[in-house]
Structures are given as C-alpha cells and as structure tokens.
Amino acid sequence: MPGLWAAVRRWVVAEGPAVWPVVVAMVVVGGGLWAGVPSAGRGVALTAEAMGGATLQQVRPSASGEVDPRLGAAVDAILARRGIAVKQNNLQLFLRDVAPELRVEQKQVFQNMRELGMSVIYRRAEVWTNYEAVRRYGLATGTFRVSMRYQISGSRLARAATDVGYTYTVRDGRLYLVDDNDLDRAIGSGRQPWDYGPIDVLKRRNVLVVVDQGRLAYADRQADETVAMARKIRTLWKGHLQIVPMIVAMREPGVLTDLPATLKGNEPARVQPIPSPAEDGRPVGGWIVVRPESQERFDSAQLNHALMHLLPVRLGEEAPRWLAEGIAQYAESLQLIATGRGKQVTAARDDIRRRALGDLARLPADDEYDTTDSDDISWLAVEQLIKQVGLKAVTDFYLQVARRGYNEPAQDRLLLEYTGFTEQKLVDALRTLAQ
C-alpha cells in the first residue's frame, strides 16, 4: 500500500488541481465504503459456508475494478453467492445480501430467471462514481457495473452477457445490495425479460416463448406458428437461422429496448441481438420482440419478416439497410401470397411503382426509413435482384457485407461481383418498372 499511495501522490503533483475532483470521487466511493466496514470485518470474513460451498480463492476479482482488493473480494463473494443461489434454486441464499426494501423486487427477478432455466455468473467490472447513491445511503456506499454472464437452458445458444448496476452499502457491519437500477439509464440495463414480471415461459425443442404470466395459451399459438414459419425460412435461406427462435411477447413496452433506440420504426416486431461476453461482442443469437400493441394482430407473414431479420443476426449487422429490409419484406410477401393475399401484394407493388420508382436516383440510405417509401423500395430492389440472378447470389452478398461492412465503394464492387449489378444499374432497372 505505501507504494500505491506514493504513486498517487506523484500523479496528483504532476497533474495539478485538474485531478482533485477525481481524487475526491475515489476517496468517497472506495475509501468511504471500506471505512464503513467495522474493523472486525475488514479481513473479509466470508467463510466457505457463507459462500455456498465455494471459497474466496475461487472467485476471481475483475482486473478492472479499482477498489481495495479486500473490498473487491467481498463484493465478488456476494456476486458468486448470487449465481450459486440461482443454480441451486435457493431463494434464501439469493436474498441473503439484499436489503429488505429490495427483496420483493429481487425475489421476482430470481423467480423469472428460474422460470427461464438460466445459469448465471456475475463478474464485477468497475466501480462507478455515484454521488446520488452516496447522498441516499451514506459514505459507506459504492456502485459497481457488473457483467452478468448467462445461459438459458434449451436455447442451444452459447453463453451471453448483459450489464447490470448494483449499489452496495454497509449496514450492521456487512454489505447489502440496496439498489439495482442506479445505472439503468447510464448503461441501458434493467430491460431483460426477467427484469419484468411475473412471466411464463413456454419451451419446446425448437422454440422458446416468453409472455406475461397467465398468457400461456397465447404463447402456445405463437410457438406453433413460429415452428411452421421457421421451417419455411430455412427452406428459403439454408443454414443460418437460430436453431431455437426465441420470442418475447410482453405487455411492457420497455423490454429489450436500447437507449437510444438503434432502429426507429413501427414494425410489429423487431430483433434484439444477444451480446456475447467475448471481446468483439458478436451476438450469440437474438430475441424477436413483438410490440405490445401488435401482439393480437401479429400474423405469419409478419413473423416471416422478423425471422428473416433474426437469421443473419449472429453474422453481423453491417449489411446496408436496403438489403436487410428488402430481403425481410421479400420473405413477408411470399407468406402473404401463400396465405391467399396475393392481390394485396400485387396492389402494394403497383402502388410503389407508380409513386416512387419513376424519379428514383439511388437506393435508400440507412437513416431514411421513418418518413419515406424506403421499405417498399428496398423490397422491390431485392425482388428485382432475385428475379435476375437468383436468391443464392443475393444471400451470399448479404453474408459478405454483414460480416465486414465495408464502405460504399467496396459494397458496390461486391454487389457487382456477386450479382452482376452495380447500385446504379439496379436503380436503372427499378426505374423501368415504373413505365
């Protein structure tokens, strides 16, 4: 410790007054929390029994948490106990370190995770400066960003990750979790299906549906339709669709939303990627989230559209939006025709030809999908490509640009390589449809 304090003194002298607020924050969050622990407890007396069978040596503190190692070990032990409790279905152990005022909410989280069949590991990521929490709970308070690594049984997906924010304070000589939403707006946490409840979960070998408790009949119908439509999508584009599509149809509009939303729009369903804990964060899969206002009208054609967006989610999201939306609209149109709504498709195609194609100068840009005909133009662009060169050439192009992105000139070269079209040639072909 003397070496550490010497290094801090040298840093403060070198940087001058500009770093004093940072030093104060470090003292308040790190030193204040540790100072609140009675001297008898400063050895982190967390026994193997208290750890639920593990020991402190088996809990690896995160390398990024700049706090006293003993305090870090105490928080790590609490987080390890939390994961063990979920695995063992031990509610009492899960709530052991939770303040009384938070136990009802945390009990629901626990029950929802068990309903989903989750296994969970929590890893402390870093301390977070949180003056409001210090004002609310006292100096012996600290907030941590925590990486929650989880797997859902039956999903056939690799381990995924999401962040949560936990605030701990010292009461009666020990640490308690007193707040679990202090970082919700800062890091977008608290929006997973298990954060709202209670829920029901319907699992089959090839589909998983999450709904509000009491809506299993709806979940059953949605599961039937998802299995049938997934079969069609796999026929259309072989080899990439998530083995177990996962559907969330809850009344809470905030479930699985981003801050800010990455793609605005009013589609009845959207795909939310599920990040991996790996460095590149490449998704392990995705959720299909059906908007609350659309659930009763959500049909097989709209589901086809959503499944087509789900299909490449693990491959990357760098494909131009005209291609992503166009191929999803194409899949939706095929299902409309299959269910006897071919006249609706023909009318929509004729309408967009008359209104939007005659003066078309380029394909829609990614940020033009809220107030224009970009969705329908994208559909006709992809449909035209498929008519000319076949579906496989289009999907091969999609996979290449989704993985790597590229700039516009490189995308145009790849489009030419895979389809024989440049963007301008494709636009010219679309304009002829207006004649």
Protein backbone atom coordinates (compact mmCIF):
# COMPACT_ATOMS: atom_id res chain seq x y z
CA MET A 1 0.00 0.00 0.00
CA PRO A 2 2.80 2.57 0.68
CA GLY A 3 3.95 2.16 -2.93
CA LEU A 4 0.42 2.76 -4.17
CA TRP A 5 -0.01 5.96 -2.14
CA ALA A 6 3.38 7.20 -3.35
CA ALA A 7 2.29 6.66 -6.94
CA VAL A 8 -0.97 8.53 -6.30
CA ARG A 9 0.93 11.46 -4.74
CA ARG A 10 3.26 11.68 -7.75
CA TRP A 11 0.25 11.63 -10.12
CA VAL A 12 -1.58 14.38 -8.19
CA VAL A 13 1.51 16.59 -8.11
CA ALA A 14 2.11 16.05 -11.84
CA GLU A 15 -1.46 16.73 -12.94
CA GLY A 16 -2.29 19.54 -10.54
CA PRO A 17 -5.75 20.79 -9.46
CA ALA A 18 -7.46 19.28 -12.54
CA VAL A 19 -7.44 15.83 -10.94
CA TRP A 20 -8.67 16.85 -7.49
CA PRO A 21 -12.37 16.05 -8.26
CA VAL A 22 -11.31 12.60 -9.41
CA VAL A 23 -9.32 12.04 -6.23
CA VAL A 24 -12.32 13.10 -4.13
CA ALA A 25 -14.56 10.67 -6.03
CA MET A 26 -12.08 7.83 -5.49
CA VAL A 27 -11.93 8.55 -1.79
CA VAL A 28 -15.71 8.77 -1.42
CA VAL A 29 -16.54 5.65 -3.39
CA GLY A 30 -13.61 3.42 -2.49
CA GLY A 31 -12.35 4.67 0.85
CA GLY A 32 -15.78 5.64 2.15
CA LEU A 33 -17.24 2.22 1.52
CA TRP A 34 -14.27 0.46 3.08
CA ALA A 35 -14.23 2.84 6.04
CA GLY A 36 -17.82 1.89 6.78
CA VAL A 37 -16.86 -1.73 7.34
CA PRO A 38 -16.17 -2.29 11.05
CA SER A 39 -12.58 -3.20 11.84
CA ALA A 40 -13.64 -6.66 12.90
CA GLY A 41 -14.94 -7.30 9.39
CA ARG A 42 -12.10 -5.83 7.39
CA GLY A 43 -10.49 -9.18 6.90
CA VAL A 44 -13.47 -10.14 4.70
CA ALA A 45 -14.54 -12.98 6.94
CA LEU A 46 -16.60 -14.80 4.31
CA THR A 47 -16.28 -18.47 5.07
CA ALA A 48 -16.75 -21.41 2.73
CA GLU A 49 -20.18 -21.94 4.29
CA ALA A 50 -21.16 -18.33 3.60
CA MET A 51 -20.05 -18.74 0.01
CA GLY A 52 -22.38 -21.65 -0.54
CA GLY A 53 -19.57 -24.16 -0.90
CA ALA A 54 -17.04 -22.00 -2.77
CA THR A 55 -14.10 -20.10 -1.27
CA LEU A 56 -12.76 -16.61 -1.80
CA GLN A 57 -9.79 -18.04 -3.67
CA GLN A 58 -12.18 -19.47 -6.29
CA VAL A 59 -13.74 -16.09 -7.00
CA ARG A 60 -11.54 -14.20 -9.43
CA PRO A 61 -11.87 -10.43 -8.96
CA SER A 62 -12.14 -8.44 -12.19
CA ALA A 63 -8.90 -6.82 -13.23
CA SER A 64 -10.68 -3.53 -13.98
CA GLY A 65 -12.24 -2.85 -10.55
CA GLU A 66 -10.07 -0.16 -8.96
CA VAL A 67 -11.06 -0.72 -5.33
CA ASP A 68 -9.36 -2.08 -2.25
CA PRO A 69 -8.68 -5.76 -3.02
CA ARG A 70 -10.34 -6.86 0.20
CA LEU A 71 -13.48 -4.90 -0.56
CA GLY A 72 -13.41 -6.19 -4.12
CA ALA A 73 -13.17 -9.73 -2.81
CA ALA A 74 -16.19 -9.13 -0.57
CA VAL A 75 -18.30 -7.89 -3.49
CA ASP A 76 -17.06 -10.76 -5.65
CA ALA A 77 -18.07 -13.21 -2.93
CA ILE A 78 -21.58 -11.74 -2.78
CA LEU A 79 -21.87 -11.95 -6.57
CA ALA A 80 -20.63 -15.55 -6.55
CA ARG A 81 -23.19 -16.44 -3.89
CA ARG A 82 -25.89 -14.88 -6.06
CA GLY A 83 -25.00 -17.07 -9.04
CA ILE A 84 -24.80 -20.19 -6.87
CA ALA A 85 -28.26 -19.43 -5.46
CA VAL A 86 -29.79 -19.36 -8.95
CA LYS A 87 -28.14 -22.65 -9.84
CA GLN A 88 -29.30 -24.34 -6.62
CA ASN A 89 -32.79 -22.78 -6.68
CA ASN A 90 -32.04 -21.32 -3.26
CA LEU A 91 -34.12 -18.16 -2.82
CA GLN A 92 -32.96 -17.64 0.75
CA LEU A 93 -29.32 -17.58 -0.34
CA PHE A 94 -30.17 -15.26 -3.26
CA LEU A 95 -31.79 -12.75 -0.89
CA ARG A 96 -29.18 -13.08 1.85
CA ASP A 97 -27.26 -9.98 0.77
CA VAL A 98 -30.30 -7.97 -0.39
CA ALA A 99 -31.65 -5.10 1.71
CA PRO A 100 -35.22 -5.66 3.00
CA GLU A 101 -36.69 -2.87 0.86
CA LEU A 102 -35.41 -4.54 -2.32
CA ARG A 103 -36.33 -8.15 -1.57
CA VAL A 104 -39.77 -8.26 -3.22
CA GLU A 105 -38.35 -6.99 -6.50
CA GLN A 106 -35.30 -9.26 -6.32
CA LYS A 107 -37.47 -12.26 -5.46
CA GLN A 108 -39.34 -11.69 -8.74
CA VAL A 109 -36.08 -11.48 -10.68
CA PHE A 110 -34.97 -14.77 -9.12
CA GLN A 111 -38.27 -16.50 -9.95
CA ASN A 112 -38.15 -15.24 -13.54
CA MET A 113 -34.59 -16.47 -14.04
CA ARG A 114 -35.59 -19.86 -12.67
CA GLU A 115 -38.63 -19.90 -14.97
CA LEU A 116 -36.31 -19.33 -17.93
CA GLY A 117 -33.94 -22.05 -16.72
CA MET A 118 -30.95 -19.72 -16.50
CA SER A 119 -27.47 -20.38 -15.21
CA VAL A 120 -25.77 -17.14 -14.18
CA ILE A 121 -22.28 -15.94 -13.32
CA TYR A 122 -21.73 -12.37 -12.12
CA ARG A 123 -18.40 -10.59 -12.62
CA ARG A 124 -17.58 -7.20 -11.08
CA ALA A 125 -16.47 -4.89 -13.88
CA GLU A 126 -15.70 -1.48 -12.36
CA VAL A 127 -16.62 0.94 -9.63
CA TRP A 128 -18.92 3.75 -10.77
CA THR A 129 -18.94 7.27 -9.38
CA ASN A 130 -22.45 7.68 -7.98
CA TYR A 131 -22.84 10.75 -5.79
CA GLU A 132 -26.62 10.36 -5.61
CA ALA A 133 -26.27 6.91 -4.05
CA VAL A 134 -23.78 8.27 -1.52
CA ARG A 135 -26.27 11.01 -0.60
CA ARG A 136 -29.07 8.46 -0.24
CA TYR A 137 -27.27 5.72 1.66
CA GLY A 138 -24.23 7.34 3.26
CA LEU A 139 -20.48 7.40 2.70
CA ALA A 140 -20.11 3.65 3.09
CA THR A 141 -21.74 3.13 -0.33
CA GLY A 142 -20.41 2.05 -3.70
CA THR A 143 -21.94 1.35 -7.12
CA PHE A 144 -20.49 -1.25 -9.48
CA ARG A 145 -21.08 -2.12 -13.08
CA VAL A 146 -21.42 -5.88 -13.11
CA SER A 147 -21.17 -8.19 -16.11
CA MET A 148 -23.88 -10.82 -15.93
CA ARG A 149 -22.93 -13.93 -17.95
CA TYR A 150 -25.84 -16.27 -18.53
CA GLN A 151 -27.19 -19.22 -20.48
CA ILE A 152 -30.82 -20.20 -20.98
CA SER A 153 -31.42 -23.92 -20.89
CA GLY A 154 -32.96 -25.25 -24.08
CA SER A 155 -31.94 -22.22 -26.14
CA ARG A 156 -28.95 -24.02 -27.67
CA LEU A 157 -27.07 -20.70 -27.58
CA ALA A 158 -23.62 -20.04 -26.19
CA ARG A 159 -23.12 -18.03 -23.01
CA ALA A 160 -24.39 -14.47 -23.37
CA ALA A 161 -23.74 -11.27 -21.44
CA THR A 162 -25.55 -8.20 -20.22
CA ASP A 163 -24.56 -5.45 -17.79
CA VAL A 164 -26.28 -4.57 -14.54
CA GLY A 165 -25.60 -1.85 -11.97
CA TYR A 166 -25.55 -2.80 -8.29
CA THR A 167 -25.21 -0.40 -5.37
CA TYR A 168 -23.98 -1.77 -2.04
CA THR A 169 -23.85 -0.11 1.35
CA VAL A 170 -22.76 -1.18 4.82
CA ARG A 171 -25.44 -1.83 7.43
CA ASP A 172 -24.92 -3.54 10.74
CA GLY A 173 -21.36 -4.43 9.86
CA ARG A 174 -21.98 -6.08 6.49
CA LEU A 175 -22.59 -5.23 2.83
CA TYR A 176 -26.12 -5.18 1.42
CA LEU A 177 -27.42 -4.70 -2.11
CA VAL A 178 -29.64 -1.63 -1.79
CA ASP A 179 -30.27 -0.63 -5.41
CA ASP A 180 -30.24 -2.48 -8.72
CA ASN A 181 -31.29 0.29 -11.10
CA ASP A 182 -28.86 3.15 -10.47
CA LEU A 183 -27.15 2.55 -13.83
CA ASP A 184 -30.23 1.69 -15.89
CA ARG A 185 -30.07 4.88 -17.93
CA ALA A 186 -26.28 5.08 -18.00
CA ILE A 187 -25.68 1.59 -19.41
CA GLY A 188 -29.16 0.54 -20.59
CA SER A 189 -29.57 -2.22 -18.01
CA GLY A 190 -32.75 -3.49 -16.39
CA ARG A 191 -34.56 -4.24 -19.65
CA GLN A 192 -34.22 -8.00 -19.96
CA PRO A 193 -37.33 -10.23 -19.95
CA TRP A 194 -36.54 -11.40 -16.41
CA ASP A 195 -36.48 -7.79 -15.15
CA TYR A 196 -40.25 -7.55 -15.61
CA GLY A 197 -42.64 -9.96 -14.14
CA PRO A 198 -44.04 -12.30 -13.34
CA ILE A 199 -43.54 -14.23 -16.59
CA ASP A 200 -44.50 -17.55 -18.11
CA VAL A 201 -42.09 -19.40 -20.41
CA LEU A 202 -43.08 -21.98 -22.99
CA LYS A 203 -40.22 -24.18 -24.16
CA ARG A 204 -40.16 -26.74 -26.91
CA ARG A 205 -37.29 -28.46 -28.65
CA ASN A 206 -37.22 -25.82 -31.40
CA VAL A 207 -38.84 -22.66 -29.96
CA LEU A 208 -38.99 -20.59 -26.76
CA VAL A 209 -41.69 -18.01 -26.00
CA VAL A 210 -41.76 -15.57 -23.06
CA VAL A 211 -45.06 -13.94 -22.10
CA ASP A 212 -46.64 -12.25 -19.10
CA GLN A 213 -47.89 -14.70 -16.51
CA GLY A 214 -51.31 -16.08 -17.41
CA ARG A 215 -50.83 -15.91 -21.21
CA LEU A 216 -49.64 -19.45 -21.92
CA ALA A 217 -52.47 -20.01 -24.41
CA TYR A 218 -51.13 -17.10 -26.48
CA ALA A 219 -47.58 -18.47 -26.11
CA ASP A 220 -48.74 -21.86 -27.37
CA ARG A 221 -50.28 -20.35 -30.51
CA GLN A 222 -47.18 -18.25 -31.11
CA ALA A 223 -44.95 -21.29 -30.71
CA ASP A 224 -46.97 -23.29 -33.25
CA GLU A 225 -46.72 -20.51 -35.81
CA THR A 226 -43.02 -19.88 -35.16
CA VAL A 227 -42.14 -23.53 -35.74
CA ALA A 228 -44.08 -23.56 -39.03
CA MET A 229 -42.60 -20.28 -40.30
CA ALA A 230 -39.06 -21.18 -39.24
CA ARG A 231 -39.34 -24.25 -41.44
CA LYS A 232 -40.20 -22.01 -44.41
CA ILE A 233 -37.38 -19.58 -43.73
CA ARG A 234 -34.86 -22.43 -43.52
CA THR A 235 -36.07 -23.61 -46.92
CA LEU A 236 -35.68 -20.12 -48.33
CA TRP A 237 -32.22 -19.41 -46.86
CA LYS A 238 -30.46 -22.55 -45.71
CA GLY A 239 -28.08 -22.97 -42.84
CA HIS A 240 -28.14 -19.86 -40.65
CA LEU A 241 -31.42 -19.41 -38.76
CA GLN A 242 -31.12 -19.67 -34.99
CA ILE A 243 -31.90 -23.29 -34.04
CA VAL A 244 -34.32 -22.22 -31.30
CA PRO A 245 -36.02 -18.90 -32.21
CA MET A 246 -36.86 -17.03 -29.00
CA ILE A 247 -39.97 -14.83 -28.95
CA VAL A 248 -40.81 -12.20 -26.32
CA ALA A 249 -44.43 -11.00 -26.30
CA MET A 250 -44.94 -8.97 -23.13
CA ARG A 251 -47.14 -6.00 -22.28
CA GLU A 252 -44.18 -3.98 -21.01
CA PRO A 253 -43.00 -1.71 -23.88
CA GLY A 254 -39.54 -1.23 -22.37
CA VAL A 255 -38.48 -4.87 -22.55
CA LEU A 256 -35.28 -5.36 -24.55
CA THR A 257 -35.12 -1.75 -25.72
CA ASP A 258 -31.94 0.21 -26.36
CA LEU A 259 -31.02 3.67 -25.11
CA PRO A 260 -31.29 5.29 -27.56
CA ALA A 261 -33.18 3.01 -29.92
CA THR A 262 -30.85 1.78 -32.66
CA LEU A 263 -33.51 1.45 -35.33
CA LYS A 264 -36.60 3.60 -35.10
CA GLY A 265 -39.72 2.40 -36.82
CA ASN A 266 -43.13 0.89 -36.36
CA GLU A 267 -42.61 -2.70 -37.47
CA PRO A 268 -44.79 -5.05 -35.39
CA ALA A 269 -41.72 -6.99 -34.25
CA ARG A 270 -38.02 -6.28 -34.03
CA VAL A 271 -34.92 -8.34 -33.42
CA GLN A 272 -32.75 -7.57 -30.41
CA PRO A 273 -29.25 -9.12 -30.61
CA ILE A 274 -27.96 -11.05 -27.58
CA PRO A 275 -24.34 -9.96 -26.98
CA SER A 276 -21.54 -12.40 -26.28
CA PRO A 277 -19.09 -11.84 -23.40
CA ALA A 278 -16.27 -12.16 -25.95
CA GLU A 279 -14.18 -9.09 -26.75
CA ASP A 280 -15.80 -8.49 -30.13
CA GLY A 281 -19.30 -8.75 -28.62
CA ARG A 282 -20.52 -10.66 -31.68
CA PRO A 283 -24.09 -11.75 -30.86
CA VAL A 284 -24.71 -15.35 -29.87
CA GLY A 285 -28.27 -15.02 -31.18
CA GLY A 286 -31.27 -12.76 -30.87
CA TRP A 287 -34.74 -12.24 -29.43
CA ILE A 288 -37.76 -11.49 -31.59
CA VAL A 289 -39.66 -8.87 -29.60
CA VAL A 290 -43.33 -8.44 -30.56
CA ARG A 291 -44.55 -4.96 -29.70
CA PRO A 292 -47.41 -4.90 -27.15
CA GLU A 293 -49.80 -3.07 -29.49
CA SER A 294 -49.15 -5.59 -32.30
CA GLN A 295 -49.44 -8.88 -30.45
CA GLU A 296 -53.08 -9.67 -31.20
CA ARG A 297 -52.66 -8.88 -34.91
CA PHE A 298 -49.20 -10.42 -35.37
CA ASP A 299 -49.57 -12.88 -38.25
CA SER A 300 -47.48 -15.44 -40.08
CA ALA A 301 -46.32 -13.00 -42.79
CA GLN A 302 -45.05 -10.52 -40.20
CA LEU A 303 -43.39 -13.39 -38.36
CA ASN A 304 -41.62 -14.40 -41.59
CA HIS A 305 -40.32 -10.83 -41.83
CA ALA A 306 -38.98 -10.96 -38.26
CA LEU A 307 -37.42 -14.40 -38.70
CA MET A 308 -35.59 -13.17 -41.79
CA HIS A 309 -34.08 -10.38 -39.68
CA LEU A 310 -33.17 -12.93 -36.99
CA LEU A 311 -31.44 -15.23 -39.44
CA PRO A 312 -28.23 -13.21 -40.00
CA VAL A 313 -28.03 -11.65 -36.51
CA ARG A 314 -25.02 -13.74 -35.48
CA LEU A 315 -23.20 -12.88 -38.69
CA GLY A 316 -23.02 -9.13 -38.11
CA GLU A 317 -25.16 -6.05 -38.69
CA GLU A 318 -23.11 -4.22 -41.29
CA ALA A 319 -25.28 -5.02 -44.32
CA PRO A 320 -26.83 -1.92 -45.91
CA ARG A 321 -30.34 -1.43 -44.61
CA TRP A 322 -31.92 -1.57 -48.07
CA LEU A 323 -30.65 -5.14 -48.33
CA ALA A 324 -31.68 -6.19 -44.80
CA GLU A 325 -35.17 -4.67 -45.05
CA GLY A 326 -35.62 -5.72 -48.65
CA ILE A 327 -35.00 -9.41 -48.06
CA ALA A 328 -37.24 -9.36 -44.96
CA GLN A 329 -40.02 -7.71 -46.96
CA TYR A 330 -39.48 -10.28 -49.71
CA ALA A 331 -39.98 -13.15 -47.23
CA GLU A 332 -43.11 -11.44 -45.89
CA SER A 333 -44.55 -11.08 -49.39
CA LEU A 334 -44.04 -14.78 -50.09
CA GLN A 335 -46.07 -15.67 -46.99
CA LEU A 336 -48.81 -13.20 -47.90
CA ILE A 337 -49.13 -14.93 -51.25
CA ALA A 338 -49.07 -18.38 -49.59
CA THR A 339 -51.99 -17.38 -47.35
CA GLY A 340 -54.18 -16.16 -50.21
CA ARG A 341 -53.27 -12.48 -50.09
CA GLY A 342 -51.56 -12.29 -53.45
CA LYS A 343 -53.81 -9.45 -54.61
CA GLN A 344 -52.64 -7.40 -51.63
CA VAL A 345 -49.02 -7.96 -52.69
CA THR A 346 -49.74 -7.04 -56.32
CA ALA A 347 -51.57 -3.88 -55.28
CA ALA A 348 -48.71 -2.82 -52.99
CA ARG A 349 -46.15 -3.48 -55.72
CA ASP A 350 -48.12 -1.48 -58.31
CA ASP A 351 -48.61 1.39 -55.88
CA ILE A 352 -44.92 1.78 -55.09
CA ARG A 353 -44.01 1.50 -58.77
CA ARG A 354 -46.29 4.43 -59.59
CA ARG A 355 -45.36 6.61 -56.63
CA ALA A 356 -41.66 6.11 -56.01
CA LEU A 357 -39.75 4.46 -58.83
CA GLY A 358 -40.07 6.91 -61.73
CA ASP A 359 -37.76 9.53 -60.21
CA LEU A 360 -35.58 7.14 -58.18
CA ALA A 361 -31.94 8.30 -58.20
CA ARG A 362 -30.36 5.94 -55.64
CA LEU A 363 -31.15 3.22 -53.15
CA PRO A 364 -32.37 4.37 -49.72
CA ALA A 365 -29.78 5.40 -47.14
CA ASP A 366 -29.81 3.74 -43.72
CA ASP A 367 -31.30 6.81 -41.99
CA GLU A 368 -34.24 7.29 -44.38
CA TYR A 369 -36.65 4.63 -43.16
CA ASP A 370 -39.00 6.61 -40.93
CA THR A 371 -40.75 9.00 -43.29
CA THR A 372 -40.24 7.66 -46.81
CA ASP A 373 -41.13 4.67 -49.01
CA SER A 374 -37.72 3.16 -48.30
CA ASP A 375 -39.08 -0.19 -47.04
CA ASP A 376 -41.07 -0.80 -50.20
CA ILE A 377 -38.30 0.43 -52.50
CA SER A 378 -35.93 -1.96 -50.72
CA TRP A 379 -38.38 -4.82 -51.22
CA LEU A 380 -38.62 -4.21 -54.97
CA ALA A 381 -34.83 -3.80 -55.25
CA VAL A 382 -34.21 -7.20 -53.64
CA GLU A 383 -37.07 -8.80 -55.55
CA GLN A 384 -35.57 -7.49 -58.80
CA LEU A 385 -32.13 -8.87 -57.91
CA ILE A 386 -33.58 -12.28 -57.04
CA LYS A 387 -35.51 -12.40 -60.33
CA GLN A 388 -32.37 -11.59 -62.28
CA VAL A 389 -29.64 -13.60 -60.53
CA GLY A 390 -31.38 -15.93 -58.03
CA LEU A 391 -31.73 -15.93 -54.26
CA LYS A 392 -28.37 -17.59 -53.53
CA ALA A 393 -26.35 -14.80 -55.14
CA VAL A 394 -28.24 -12.24 -53.08
CA THR A 395 -27.83 -14.08 -49.79
CA ASP A 396 -24.13 -14.71 -50.48
CA PHE A 397 -23.67 -10.96 -51.00
CA TYR A 398 -25.63 -10.31 -47.80
CA LEU A 399 -23.39 -12.61 -45.75
CA GLN A 400 -20.23 -10.98 -47.05
CA VAL A 401 -21.23 -7.40 -46.27
CA ALA A 402 -22.96 -8.30 -42.97
CA ARG A 403 -19.72 -9.74 -41.61
CA ARG A 404 -17.39 -6.98 -42.71
CA GLY A 405 -19.44 -3.89 -43.54
CA TYR A 406 -17.08 -2.08 -45.96
CA ASN A 407 -17.54 1.43 -47.27
CA GLU A 408 -19.96 2.23 -50.09
CA PRO A 409 -17.48 1.83 -52.98
CA ALA A 410 -16.41 -1.58 -51.63
CA GLN A 411 -20.05 -2.62 -51.18
CA ASP A 412 -20.74 -1.63 -54.78
CA ARG A 413 -17.79 -3.72 -56.00
CA LEU A 414 -19.07 -6.71 -54.01
CA LEU A 415 -22.59 -6.20 -55.33
CA LEU A 416 -21.16 -6.32 -58.85
CA GLU A 417 -19.07 -9.40 -58.03
CA TYR A 418 -21.95 -11.41 -56.55
CA THR A 419 -24.89 -10.23 -58.69
CA GLY A 420 -23.52 -8.55 -61.81
CA PHE A 421 -25.28 -5.31 -60.77
CA THR A 422 -23.91 -2.01 -59.57
CA GLU A 423 -26.17 0.16 -57.45
CA GLN A 424 -26.76 2.48 -60.40
CA LYS A 425 -27.62 -0.43 -62.70
CA LEU A 426 -30.09 -1.73 -60.10
CA VAL A 427 -31.66 1.74 -59.74
CA ASP A 428 -31.98 1.97 -63.54
CA ALA A 429 -33.71 -1.44 -63.57
CA LEU A 430 -36.14 -0.28 -60.87
CA ARG A 431 -37.00 2.87 -62.82
CA THR A 432 -38.02 0.77 -65.80
CA LEU A 433 -40.66 -0.89 -63.59
CA ALA A 434 -42.43 2.45 -63.31
CA GLN A 435 -43.05 2.60 -67.06
